[in-house]
Structures are given as C-alpha cells and as structure tokens.
Amino acid sequence: MTNIVEVKGLTKSYGQVTAVDHVSFTIEANKIYGLLGRNGAGKTTIMHMISSQQFATSGELKVFGEEPYENSRVLNQICFIKESQKYPDSFRVIDVIEVARSLFPNWDHTYAHALIEDFRLPLKRKIKKLSRGMLSSVGIVVGLASRAPLTIFDEPYLGLDAVARILFYDRLLEDYAEFPRTVILSTHLIDEVSRLLEHVLVIDNGKLIMNEDADALRGRACTVSGLATAVDSFTRGKELLERTAIGAAATATILGALSDRDRKEAEAMGLEFAPVSMQQLIVHLTRTSIAGKGTEE
C-alpha cells in the first residue's frame, strides 16, 4: 500500500526543549489514523511539520513522496483543520466557504452546504461572533467538503455538544466510505472516536510510544479482579499497568493477550475479567511512561 507520509528520525527543538524526539512512522493511503497523547506531547508540532507550517530541526519527512515545504503539488492535497483556526475579523461563514472552495481541488460545494445545514451554521454571521462550537463546525465543514487526499483534524470537537460530535463522526464515516482518503484525527475523546480509527499513533513527551493497528490494539489489555491474594498470584510474571486494592479485594490491569489456559486458571481462582477501552489503555501507558521518567508535564 502507498505511503502518504514517511517520517524518519523527525525532531523538533525549541532551544533546550525537544518537542518531537526522533520520531519515525509511516501513514498509508486511505486509512483513518488517530494521533493521540497528552497535552504538550508533541502531536500538534508533528501535524504542523507534515503540513509544512513548521520546519523540522532534523530528520526526514516526505508527504506524497516529496518534501512538503513550499511544494504546491503537496500542499494542494492537504487540508489541516487546527484547534485554534484564525480568520480575518471581517470574514463571515460564507466567506470561509468561498475561500475554501478556491483552495481545494476536490472541493464539493453541494456537500459543503448540506453540512452547513446539518450543523445549523448561519452563513451571514461573522466568524468572530460565532460560539466555540459553531467555530468548530465551520472547520468540520471545510475539512469534510475539501475531500483532500490528506485531511488532518486537530481537536475538531471543541465546544460541540454530544449530538454535534456524533453527527461529525457519522458524516466522516459516510463520506470516507464513498470518497476514501487519508484522515488524521487528534483528539482527547479517544473512546468516542475509537470506532473510526484503523491505526493508532501515540506520542508521549515527544516520543512515539505506540504505533499499532487499531484492531490489534483492541483487546490488548484487560482487568482482573477478585481476592488480592488470587490477583497477585495470577498476575505474577505478567506485565502490569496498574493495581489497586480495597481491603481484601484487588483489581489489576494486565498488558498482553491472555491464553485460554490463563483464563481457565483465573476462573478457577474465582477471578473476573473486564475489557479495557482504548482510552483506558492509552491513559495507562502514558501514565506509566511519565512515572518511569519521574516527571509530570
């Protein structure tokens, strides 16, 4: 499968601070990626470098097989919807739509106006007078209607209520099915978007700590609970992400797939299993990473 983005040893430093630290990964065509991690982990810096809005300090970066910087062939194929998107004070919603129409070769104007109706956006209202949720909706309309071969959403849901967020996810999946392209989603609402994701990249403290197919990630961890003595006996020698105890009872989160033999052994000991969501797993992994460094961002 063709790689849309190829990153090798990518590093971005600001003086003595390293925001992105020797990160390497590839992004394939026509897949939905989750770029996940804590605030300040380096996610937005990576997206800025991919979209040629920042220069790398070192390392290699190719987008559509070419260097992206000042390369119109590459940049015309990218739509980057930022969390803090800025517009001229005089711009109305309709002005943003008309400018986007001129920028993106695959723009679908009919679809854009259908989305405007879906999200109930006032076309003639000035952008600076929109609520935070409406501003996010404008970005979503542009990102979806652009149908750019590489579409990047950085925290696209800010200010949106639950109904509007679900509408975004549904429209994204529907349009992606009909018009496949590569989508990168950066969000903190991991469980909400987990059903969309086909591949997961997790950045922590500037480093890539996870690069996995989403299906492989699901079921990678589980919790086991019961008497503390039984939990400790069962988890001995296994990789623990977390253990908590209340009185004589304990719960432990185990990383790694369990065999049928493991499960039968646990059941014989009176232990119970529960799945770990993608969000819980990533929280556990980043928390473990931070604990190992002894620092808190």
C-alpha atoms as a PDB file:
ATOM      1  CA  MET A   1       0.000   0.000   0.000  1.00  0.00           C
ATOM      2  CA  THR A   2       1.225   3.517  -0.849  1.00  0.00           C
ATOM      3  CA  ASN A   3       2.596   5.632   1.973  1.00  0.00           C
ATOM      4  CA  ILE A   4       1.188   9.159   2.109  1.00  0.00           C
ATOM      5  CA  VAL A   5       3.537  10.299   4.873  1.00  0.00           C
ATOM      6  CA  GLU A   6       7.013   8.952   5.656  1.00  0.00           C
ATOM      7  CA  VAL A   7       8.750  10.196   8.796  1.00  0.00           C
ATOM      8  CA  LYS A   8      12.231   9.078   9.861  1.00  0.00           C
ATOM      9  CA  GLY A   9      14.065  10.387  12.916  1.00  0.00           C
ATOM     10  CA  LEU A  10      11.946  13.547  12.912  1.00  0.00           C
ATOM     11  CA  THR A  11      12.994  16.008  15.611  1.00  0.00           C
ATOM     12  CA  LYS A  12      11.828  19.499  16.510  1.00  0.00           C
ATOM     13  CA  SER A  13      13.602  21.513  19.186  1.00  0.00           C
ATOM     14  CA  TYR A  14      12.988  24.965  20.620  1.00  0.00           C
ATOM     15  CA  GLY A  15      16.243  25.941  22.275  1.00  0.00           C
ATOM     16  CA  GLN A  16      16.813  23.411  25.043  1.00  0.00           C
ATOM     17  CA  VAL A  17      13.291  21.953  24.741  1.00  0.00           C
ATOM     18  CA  THR A  18      12.739  18.992  22.420  1.00  0.00           C
ATOM     19  CA  ALA A  19       9.071  18.907  21.395  1.00  0.00           C
ATOM     20  CA  VAL A  20       9.428  15.967  19.000  1.00  0.00           C
ATOM     21  CA  ASP A  21      12.222  13.486  19.640  1.00  0.00           C
ATOM     22  CA  HIS A  22      13.468  11.230  16.791  1.00  0.00           C
ATOM     23  CA  VAL A  23      10.013  10.031  15.737  1.00  0.00           C
ATOM     24  CA  SER A  24       9.643   7.553  12.860  1.00  0.00           C
ATOM     25  CA  PHE A  25       6.429   6.237  11.287  1.00  0.00           C
ATOM     26  CA  THR A  26       4.542   5.910   8.011  1.00  0.00           C
ATOM     27  CA  ILE A  27       0.958   6.806   7.155  1.00  0.00           C
ATOM     28  CA  GLU A  28      -0.731   4.775   4.436  1.00  0.00           C
ATOM     29  CA  ALA A  29      -3.240   5.894   1.849  1.00  0.00           C
ATOM     30  CA  ASN A  30      -6.973   5.679   2.537  1.00  0.00           C
ATOM     31  CA  LYS A  31      -6.905   4.924   6.252  1.00  0.00           C
ATOM     32  CA  ILE A  32      -8.136   6.780   9.334  1.00  0.00           C
ATOM     33  CA  TYR A  33      -5.400   7.398  11.892  1.00  0.00           C
ATOM     34  CA  GLY A  34      -5.602   8.506  15.493  1.00  0.00           C
ATOM     35  CA  LEU A  35      -2.698  10.712  16.598  1.00  0.00           C
ATOM     36  CA  LEU A  36      -3.151  10.579  20.345  1.00  0.00           C
ATOM     37  CA  GLY A  37      -1.417  11.713  23.516  1.00  0.00           C
ATOM     38  CA  ARG A  38      -1.478  14.205  26.378  1.00  0.00           C
ATOM     39  CA  ASN A  39      -1.409  17.978  26.040  1.00  0.00           C
ATOM     40  CA  GLY A  40       2.116  19.089  25.194  1.00  0.00           C
ATOM     41  CA  ALA A  41       3.131  15.635  23.979  1.00  0.00           C
ATOM     42  CA  GLY A  42       4.176  16.906  20.533  1.00  0.00           C
ATOM     43  CA  LYS A  43       1.142  15.945  18.430  1.00  0.00           C
ATOM     44  CA  THR A  44       0.358  19.407  17.063  1.00  0.00           C
ATOM     45  CA  THR A  45       4.033  20.029  16.291  1.00  0.00           C
ATOM     46  CA  ILE A  46       4.084  16.865  14.181  1.00  0.00           C
ATOM     47  CA  MET A  47       0.943  17.939  12.328  1.00  0.00           C
ATOM     48  CA  HIS A  48       2.453  21.386  11.713  1.00  0.00           C
ATOM     49  CA  MET A  49       5.568  19.805  10.206  1.00  0.00           C
ATOM     50  CA  ILE A  50       3.556  17.437   8.000  1.00  0.00           C
ATOM     51  CA  SER A  51       1.539  20.389   6.695  1.00  0.00           C
ATOM     52  CA  SER A  52       4.701  22.492   6.200  1.00  0.00           C
ATOM     53  CA  GLN A  53       3.770  25.090   8.823  1.00  0.00           C
ATOM     54  CA  GLN A  54       6.922  24.388  10.834  1.00  0.00           C
ATOM     55  CA  PHE A  55      10.393  23.211   9.878  1.00  0.00           C
ATOM     56  CA  ALA A  56      11.975  20.131  11.412  1.00  0.00           C
ATOM     57  CA  THR A  57      15.216  20.553  13.349  1.00  0.00           C
ATOM     58  CA  SER A  58      16.457  17.245  11.955  1.00  0.00           C
ATOM     59  CA  GLY A  59      15.231  14.017  10.403  1.00  0.00           C
ATOM     60  CA  GLU A  60      13.422  13.171   7.183  1.00  0.00           C
ATOM     61  CA  LEU A  61       9.845  13.972   6.206  1.00  0.00           C
ATOM     62  CA  LYS A  62       8.135  13.175   2.919  1.00  0.00           C
ATOM     63  CA  VAL A  63       4.475  13.746   2.074  1.00  0.00           C
ATOM     64  CA  PHE A  64       3.131  12.174  -1.111  1.00  0.00           C
ATOM     65  CA  GLY A  65       6.737  11.144  -1.778  1.00  0.00           C
ATOM     66  CA  GLU A  66       8.110  14.700  -1.747  1.00  0.00           C
ATOM     67  CA  GLU A  67       9.437  17.340   0.608  1.00  0.00           C
ATOM     68  CA  PRO A  68       6.362  19.367   1.629  1.00  0.00           C
ATOM     69  CA  TYR A  69       7.995  22.751   2.200  1.00  0.00           C
ATOM     70  CA  GLU A  70       6.950  25.362  -0.394  1.00  0.00           C
ATOM     71  CA  ASN A  71       5.739  22.496  -2.594  1.00  0.00           C
ATOM     72  CA  SER A  72       2.358  23.356  -4.112  1.00  0.00           C
ATOM     73  CA  ARG A  73       1.920  19.826  -5.515  1.00  0.00           C
ATOM     74  CA  VAL A  74       1.951  18.505  -1.949  1.00  0.00           C
ATOM     75  CA  LEU A  75       0.223  21.335  -0.120  1.00  0.00           C
ATOM     76  CA  ASN A  76      -2.754  21.376  -2.517  1.00  0.00           C
ATOM     77  CA  GLN A  77      -3.515  17.847  -1.348  1.00  0.00           C
ATOM     78  CA  ILE A  78      -3.551  18.674   2.391  1.00  0.00           C
ATOM     79  CA  CYS A  79      -6.354  20.140   4.482  1.00  0.00           C
ATOM     80  CA  PHE A  80      -5.317  20.889   8.068  1.00  0.00           C
ATOM     81  CA  ILE A  81      -8.114  21.980  10.411  1.00  0.00           C
ATOM     82  CA  LYS A  82      -6.469  23.404  13.519  1.00  0.00           C
ATOM     83  CA  GLU A  83      -7.877  23.689  17.019  1.00  0.00           C
ATOM     84  CA  SER A  84      -7.158  27.422  17.062  1.00  0.00           C
ATOM     85  CA  GLN A  85      -8.005  28.250  13.446  1.00  0.00           C
ATOM     86  CA  LYS A  86      -7.854  32.022  12.834  1.00  0.00           C
ATOM     87  CA  TYR A  87      -9.815  34.014  10.265  1.00  0.00           C
ATOM     88  CA  PRO A  88      -9.861  37.730   9.306  1.00  0.00           C
ATOM     89  CA  ASP A  89     -12.204  39.736  11.540  1.00  0.00           C
ATOM     90  CA  SER A  90     -14.382  40.708   8.584  1.00  0.00           C
ATOM     91  CA  PHE A  91     -14.974  37.105   7.450  1.00  0.00           C
ATOM     92  CA  ARG A  92     -18.431  35.571   7.599  1.00  0.00           C
ATOM     93  CA  VAL A  93     -19.146  31.845   7.408  1.00  0.00           C
ATOM     94  CA  ILE A  94     -19.947  32.190   3.698  1.00  0.00           C
ATOM     95  CA  ASP A  95     -16.573  33.890   3.123  1.00  0.00           C
ATOM     96  CA  VAL A  96     -14.702  30.962   4.686  1.00  0.00           C
ATOM     97  CA  ILE A  97     -16.634  28.550   2.466  1.00  0.00           C
ATOM     98  CA  GLU A  98     -15.889  30.551  -0.693  1.00  0.00           C
ATOM     99  CA  VAL A  99     -12.161  30.782   0.110  1.00  0.00           C
ATOM    100  CA  ALA A 100     -12.039  27.029   0.826  1.00  0.00           C
ATOM    101  CA  ARG A 101     -13.786  26.418  -2.489  1.00  0.00           C
ATOM    102  CA  SER A 102     -10.907  28.157  -4.270  1.00  0.00           C
ATOM    103  CA  LEU A 103      -8.179  26.339  -2.337  1.00  0.00           C
ATOM    104  CA  PHE A 104      -9.075  22.652  -2.573  1.00  0.00           C
ATOM    105  CA  PRO A 105      -9.166  20.925  -5.982  1.00  0.00           C
ATOM    106  CA  ASN A 106     -11.587  18.225  -4.749  1.00  0.00           C
ATOM    107  CA  TRP A 107     -13.981  20.666  -3.037  1.00  0.00           C
ATOM    108  CA  ASP A 108     -17.654  19.629  -3.130  1.00  0.00           C
ATOM    109  CA  HIS A 109     -19.748  22.783  -2.848  1.00  0.00           C
ATOM    110  CA  THR A 110     -23.087  20.971  -2.703  1.00  0.00           C
ATOM    111  CA  TYR A 111     -21.831  18.757   0.100  1.00  0.00           C
ATOM    112  CA  ALA A 112     -20.465  21.800   1.969  1.00  0.00           C
ATOM    113  CA  HIS A 113     -23.887  23.435   2.000  1.00  0.00           C
ATOM    114  CA  ALA A 114     -25.536  20.189   3.109  1.00  0.00           C
ATOM    115  CA  LEU A 115     -23.116  20.100   6.044  1.00  0.00           C
ATOM    116  CA  ILE A 116     -23.841  23.743   6.828  1.00  0.00           C
ATOM    117  CA  GLU A 117     -27.498  22.815   7.173  1.00  0.00           C
ATOM    118  CA  ASP A 118     -26.642  19.742   9.268  1.00  0.00           C
ATOM    119  CA  PHE A 119     -24.626  21.849  11.724  1.00  0.00           C
ATOM    120  CA  ARG A 120     -27.083  24.778  11.560  1.00  0.00           C
ATOM    121  CA  LEU A 121     -24.464  27.355  10.693  1.00  0.00           C
ATOM    122  CA  PRO A 122     -25.580  30.963   9.948  1.00  0.00           C
ATOM    123  CA  LEU A 123     -23.934  31.771   6.604  1.00  0.00           C
ATOM    124  CA  LYS A 124     -24.033  35.565   7.008  1.00  0.00           C
ATOM    125  CA  ARG A 125     -22.780  35.724  10.602  1.00  0.00           C
ATOM    126  CA  LYS A 126     -19.241  36.962  11.190  1.00  0.00           C
ATOM    127  CA  ILE A 127     -16.777  34.328  12.324  1.00  0.00           C
ATOM    128  CA  LYS A 128     -15.717  36.388  15.345  1.00  0.00           C
ATOM    129  CA  LYS A 129     -19.304  36.289  16.636  1.00  0.00           C
ATOM    130  CA  LEU A 130     -19.663  32.505  16.461  1.00  0.00           C
ATOM    131  CA  SER A 131     -19.782  30.334  19.553  1.00  0.00           C
ATOM    132  CA  ARG A 132     -16.864  27.951  20.129  1.00  0.00           C
ATOM    133  CA  GLY A 133     -18.993  25.048  18.929  1.00  0.00           C
ATOM    134  CA  MET A 134     -20.042  26.856  15.738  1.00  0.00           C
ATOM    135  CA  LEU A 135     -16.415  27.730  15.027  1.00  0.00           C
ATOM    136  CA  SER A 136     -15.520  24.055  15.335  1.00  0.00           C
ATOM    137  CA  SER A 137     -18.393  23.219  12.996  1.00  0.00           C
ATOM    138  CA  VAL A 138     -17.008  25.587  10.351  1.00  0.00           C
ATOM    139  CA  GLY A 139     -13.713  23.700  10.473  1.00  0.00           C
ATOM    140  CA  ILE A 140     -15.505  20.368  10.197  1.00  0.00           C
ATOM    141  CA  VAL A 141     -17.425  21.547   7.123  1.00  0.00           C
ATOM    142  CA  VAL A 142     -14.214  22.706   5.439  1.00  0.00           C
ATOM    143  CA  GLY A 143     -12.331  19.531   6.380  1.00  0.00           C
ATOM    144  CA  LEU A 144     -15.014  17.170   5.096  1.00  0.00           C
ATOM    145  CA  ALA A 145     -16.047  19.110   1.981  1.00  0.00           C
ATOM    146  CA  SER A 146     -12.406  19.624   0.941  1.00  0.00           C
ATOM    147  CA  ARG A 147     -12.108  15.895   0.282  1.00  0.00           C
ATOM    148  CA  ALA A 148      -8.356  16.458   0.434  1.00  0.00           C
ATOM    149  CA  PRO A 149      -6.290  13.274  -0.032  1.00  0.00           C
ATOM    150  CA  LEU A 150      -4.716  14.044   3.372  1.00  0.00           C
ATOM    151  CA  THR A 151      -7.161  15.618   5.823  1.00  0.00           C
ATOM    152  CA  ILE A 152      -5.987  16.461   9.346  1.00  0.00           C
ATOM    153  CA  PHE A 153      -8.317  17.384  12.225  1.00  0.00           C
ATOM    154  CA  ASP A 154      -6.694  18.740  15.392  1.00  0.00           C
ATOM    155  CA  GLU A 155      -9.240  18.555  18.254  1.00  0.00           C
ATOM    156  CA  PRO A 156     -12.200  19.074  15.889  1.00  0.00           C
ATOM    157  CA  TYR A 157     -14.880  18.695  18.562  1.00  0.00           C
ATOM    158  CA  LEU A 158     -14.105  21.648  20.877  1.00  0.00           C
ATOM    159  CA  GLY A 159     -17.308  23.316  22.017  1.00  0.00           C
ATOM    160  CA  LEU A 160     -19.532  20.787  20.258  1.00  0.00           C
ATOM    161  CA  ASP A 161     -22.281  19.082  22.225  1.00  0.00           C
ATOM    162  CA  ALA A 162     -22.642  15.294  22.131  1.00  0.00           C
ATOM    163  CA  VAL A 163     -25.210  15.393  19.305  1.00  0.00           C
ATOM    164  CA  ALA A 164     -22.961  17.514  17.082  1.00  0.00           C
ATOM    165  CA  ARG A 165     -19.923  15.322  17.808  1.00  0.00           C
ATOM    166  CA  ILE A 166     -21.816  12.169  16.829  1.00  0.00           C
ATOM    167  CA  LEU A 167     -23.021  13.963  13.688  1.00  0.00           C
ATOM    168  CA  PHE A 168     -19.396  14.724  12.797  1.00  0.00           C
ATOM    169  CA  TYR A 169     -18.316  11.111  13.308  1.00  0.00           C
ATOM    170  CA  ASP A 170     -21.237   9.808  11.243  1.00  0.00           C
ATOM    171  CA  ARG A 171     -20.640  12.236   8.378  1.00  0.00           C
ATOM    172  CA  LEU A 172     -16.926  11.463   8.388  1.00  0.00           C
ATOM    173  CA  LEU A 173     -17.514   7.723   8.137  1.00  0.00           C
ATOM    174  CA  GLU A 174     -20.203   8.089   5.469  1.00  0.00           C
ATOM    175  CA  ASP A 175     -18.104  10.340   3.251  1.00  0.00           C
ATOM    176  CA  TYR A 176     -14.912   8.355   3.843  1.00  0.00           C
ATOM    177  CA  ALA A 177     -16.705   5.202   2.663  1.00  0.00           C
ATOM    178  CA  GLU A 178     -17.766   6.919  -0.564  1.00  0.00           C
ATOM    179  CA  PHE A 179     -14.640   9.035  -1.090  1.00  0.00           C
ATOM    180  CA  PRO A 180     -11.682   7.269   0.573  1.00  0.00           C
ATOM    181  CA  ARG A 181      -8.765   9.430   1.676  1.00  0.00           C
ATOM    182  CA  THR A 182      -6.237   9.550   4.483  1.00  0.00           C
ATOM    183  CA  VAL A 183      -7.564  11.150   7.669  1.00  0.00           C
ATOM    184  CA  ILE A 184      -5.600  12.007  10.811  1.00  0.00           C
ATOM    185  CA  LEU A 185      -7.635  12.704  13.942  1.00  0.00           C
ATOM    186  CA  SER A 186      -6.005  14.213  17.012  1.00  0.00           C
ATOM    187  CA  THR A 187      -8.387  14.173  19.955  1.00  0.00           C
ATOM    188  CA  HIS A 188      -8.706  13.547  23.680  1.00  0.00           C
ATOM    189  CA  LEU A 189     -12.095  11.840  23.289  1.00  0.00           C
ATOM    190  CA  ILE A 190     -10.444   8.562  22.393  1.00  0.00           C
ATOM    191  CA  ASP A 191     -13.334   6.241  23.211  1.00  0.00           C
ATOM    192  CA  GLU A 192     -15.712   8.343  21.107  1.00  0.00           C
ATOM    193  CA  VAL A 193     -13.538   8.098  18.008  1.00  0.00           C
ATOM    194  CA  SER A 194     -12.181   4.592  18.603  1.00  0.00           C
ATOM    195  CA  ARG A 195     -14.780   3.027  16.294  1.00  0.00           C
ATOM    196  CA  LEU A 196     -13.489   5.226  13.446  1.00  0.00           C
ATOM    197  CA  LEU A 197      -9.791   4.525  13.871  1.00  0.00           C
ATOM    198  CA  GLU A 198      -7.910   1.990  11.781  1.00  0.00           C
ATOM    199  CA  HIS A 199      -4.447   2.763  13.125  1.00  0.00           C
ATOM    200  CA  VAL A 200      -3.209   4.446  16.309  1.00  0.00           C
ATOM    201  CA  LEU A 201      -0.096   6.544  16.904  1.00  0.00           C
ATOM    202  CA  VAL A 202       0.532   7.639  20.491  1.00  0.00           C
ATOM    203  CA  ILE A 203       3.010  10.401  21.272  1.00  0.00           C
ATOM    204  CA  ASP A 204       4.263  10.950  24.811  1.00  0.00           C
ATOM    205  CA  ASN A 205       6.883  13.513  25.834  1.00  0.00           C
ATOM    206  CA  GLY A 206       7.859  13.922  22.179  1.00  0.00           C
ATOM    207  CA  LYS A 207       8.433  10.206  21.589  1.00  0.00           C
ATOM    208  CA  LEU A 208       6.368   7.664  19.704  1.00  0.00           C
ATOM    209  CA  ILE A 209       5.305   5.044  22.267  1.00  0.00           C
ATOM    210  CA  MET A 210       2.663   3.228  20.231  1.00  0.00           C
ATOM    211  CA  ASN A 211       2.260   2.553  16.519  1.00  0.00           C
ATOM    212  CA  GLU A 212      -0.345  -0.171  16.081  1.00  0.00           C
ATOM    213  CA  ASP A 213      -3.281  -1.313  14.041  1.00  0.00           C
ATOM    214  CA  ALA A 214      -6.434  -0.425  15.952  1.00  0.00           C
ATOM    215  CA  ASP A 215      -7.858  -3.952  15.707  1.00  0.00           C
ATOM    216  CA  ALA A 216      -4.682  -5.369  17.258  1.00  0.00           C
ATOM    217  CA  LEU A 217      -4.870  -2.750  19.995  1.00  0.00           C
ATOM    218  CA  ARG A 218      -8.418  -3.643  20.961  1.00  0.00           C
ATOM    219  CA  GLY A 219      -8.259  -6.448  23.494  1.00  0.00           C
ATOM    220  CA  ARG A 220      -4.566  -5.893  24.152  1.00  0.00           C
ATOM    221  CA  ALA A 221      -5.226  -5.356  27.847  1.00  0.00           C
ATOM    222  CA  CYS A 222      -7.787  -6.471  30.398  1.00  0.00           C
ATOM    223  CA  THR A 223      -8.545  -6.061  34.080  1.00  0.00           C
ATOM    224  CA  VAL A 224      -8.789  -8.935  36.503  1.00  0.00           C
ATOM    225  CA  SER A 225     -10.420  -8.599  39.906  1.00  0.00           C
ATOM    226  CA  GLY A 226     -11.048 -10.716  42.978  1.00  0.00           C
ATOM    227  CA  LEU A 227      -9.301 -11.559  46.215  1.00  0.00           C
ATOM    228  CA  ALA A 228      -5.975  -9.753  46.407  1.00  0.00           C
ATOM    229  CA  THR A 229      -4.062 -12.959  47.093  1.00  0.00           C
ATOM    230  CA  ALA A 230      -5.565 -14.590  43.979  1.00  0.00           C
ATOM    231  CA  VAL A 231      -4.998 -11.497  41.818  1.00  0.00           C
ATOM    232  CA  ASP A 232      -1.361 -11.266  42.900  1.00  0.00           C
ATOM    233  CA  SER A 233      -0.806 -14.961  42.288  1.00  0.00           C
ATOM    234  CA  PHE A 234      -2.385 -14.835  38.830  1.00  0.00           C
ATOM    235  CA  THR A 235      -0.582 -11.672  37.685  1.00  0.00           C
ATOM    236  CA  ARG A 236       2.855 -12.739  38.901  1.00  0.00           C
ATOM    237  CA  GLY A 237       5.234 -12.655  35.924  1.00  0.00           C
ATOM    238  CA  LYS A 238       2.759 -10.715  33.755  1.00  0.00           C
ATOM    239  CA  GLU A 239       3.120  -7.079  32.682  1.00  0.00           C
ATOM    240  CA  LEU A 240       1.013  -4.917  34.979  1.00  0.00           C
ATOM    241  CA  LEU A 241      -0.156  -1.444  34.040  1.00  0.00           C
ATOM    242  CA  GLU A 242      -1.943  -0.790  37.318  1.00  0.00           C
ATOM    243  CA  ARG A 243      -3.003  -2.462  40.548  1.00  0.00           C
ATOM    244  CA  THR A 244      -5.465  -1.137  43.108  1.00  0.00           C
ATOM    245  CA  ALA A 245      -6.710  -2.720  46.323  1.00  0.00           C
ATOM    246  CA  ILE A 246      -9.587  -2.131  48.706  1.00  0.00           C
ATOM    247  CA  GLY A 247      -9.471  -4.290  51.793  1.00  0.00           C
ATOM    248  CA  ALA A 248      -9.040  -7.923  50.792  1.00  0.00           C
ATOM    249  CA  ALA A 249     -10.032  -7.271  47.163  1.00  0.00           C
ATOM    250  CA  ALA A 250      -7.803  -6.096  44.301  1.00  0.00           C
ATOM    251  CA  THR A 251      -8.028  -5.160  40.651  1.00  0.00           C
ATOM    252  CA  ALA A 252      -5.118  -5.346  38.228  1.00  0.00           C
ATOM    253  CA  THR A 253      -4.767  -4.214  34.628  1.00  0.00           C
ATOM    254  CA  ILE A 254      -2.702  -6.633  32.569  1.00  0.00           C
ATOM    255  CA  LEU A 255      -0.986  -5.754  29.291  1.00  0.00           C
ATOM    256  CA  GLY A 256      -0.898  -8.535  26.732  1.00  0.00           C
ATOM    257  CA  ALA A 257      -3.266 -11.148  25.372  1.00  0.00           C
ATOM    258  CA  LEU A 258      -4.250 -13.964  27.718  1.00  0.00           C
ATOM    259  CA  SER A 259      -4.354 -17.569  26.592  1.00  0.00           C
ATOM    260  CA  ASP A 260      -7.314 -19.890  27.136  1.00  0.00           C
ATOM    261  CA  ARG A 261      -5.222 -21.624  29.781  1.00  0.00           C
ATOM    262  CA  ASP A 262      -4.707 -18.295  31.586  1.00  0.00           C
ATOM    263  CA  ARG A 263      -8.444 -17.623  31.596  1.00  0.00           C
ATOM    264  CA  LYS A 264      -9.332 -21.064  32.876  1.00  0.00           C
ATOM    265  CA  GLU A 265      -6.752 -20.701  35.638  1.00  0.00           C
ATOM    266  CA  ALA A 266      -8.184 -17.306  36.620  1.00  0.00           C
ATOM    267  CA  GLU A 267     -11.758 -18.615  36.650  1.00  0.00           C
ATOM    268  CA  ALA A 268     -10.678 -21.495  38.882  1.00  0.00           C
ATOM    269  CA  MET A 269      -9.279 -18.929  41.294  1.00  0.00           C
ATOM    270  CA  GLY A 270     -12.596 -17.054  41.340  1.00  0.00           C
ATOM    271  CA  LEU A 271     -11.294 -14.078  39.378  1.00  0.00           C
ATOM    272  CA  GLU A 272     -13.370 -11.952  36.997  1.00  0.00           C
ATOM    273  CA  PHE A 273     -12.304 -10.244  33.758  1.00  0.00           C
ATOM    274  CA  ALA A 274     -13.338  -6.924  32.229  1.00  0.00           C
ATOM    275  CA  PRO A 275     -12.190  -5.323  28.964  1.00  0.00           C
ATOM    276  CA  VAL A 276     -10.016  -2.214  28.896  1.00  0.00           C
ATOM    277  CA  SER A 277     -11.126   0.512  26.470  1.00  0.00           C
ATOM    278  CA  MET A 278      -8.686   2.110  24.056  1.00  0.00           C
ATOM    279  CA  GLN A 279      -8.771   5.313  26.097  1.00  0.00           C
ATOM    280  CA  GLN A 280      -8.069   3.479  29.350  1.00  0.00           C
ATOM    281  CA  LEU A 281      -5.177   1.613  27.746  1.00  0.00           C
ATOM    282  CA  ILE A 282      -3.572   4.780  26.387  1.00  0.00           C
ATOM    283  CA  VAL A 283      -4.048   6.579  29.722  1.00  0.00           C
ATOM    284  CA  HIS A 284      -2.362   3.647  31.482  1.00  0.00           C
ATOM    285  CA  LEU A 285       0.539   3.606  29.018  1.00  0.00           C
ATOM    286  CA  THR A 286       1.179   7.366  29.158  1.00  0.00           C
ATOM    287  CA  ARG A 287       0.863   7.361  32.936  1.00  0.00           C
ATOM    288  CA  THR A 288       3.404   4.533  33.118  1.00  0.00           C
ATOM    289  CA  SER A 289       5.720   6.428  30.775  1.00  0.00           C
ATOM    290  CA  ILE A 290       5.538   9.544  32.949  1.00  0.00           C
ATOM    291  CA  ALA A 291       6.046   7.562  36.162  1.00  0.00           C
ATOM    292  CA  GLY A 292       9.137   5.986  34.625  1.00  0.00           C
ATOM    293  CA  LYS A 293      10.591   9.437  33.915  1.00  0.00           C
ATOM    294  CA  GLY A 294       9.632  10.783  37.305  1.00  0.00           C
ATOM    295  CA  THR A 295       8.210  13.962  35.745  1.00  0.00           C
ATOM    296  CA  GLU A 296       4.785  15.433  35.108  1.00  0.00           C
ATOM    297  CA  GLU A 297       4.038  17.711  32.171  1.00  0.00           C
END
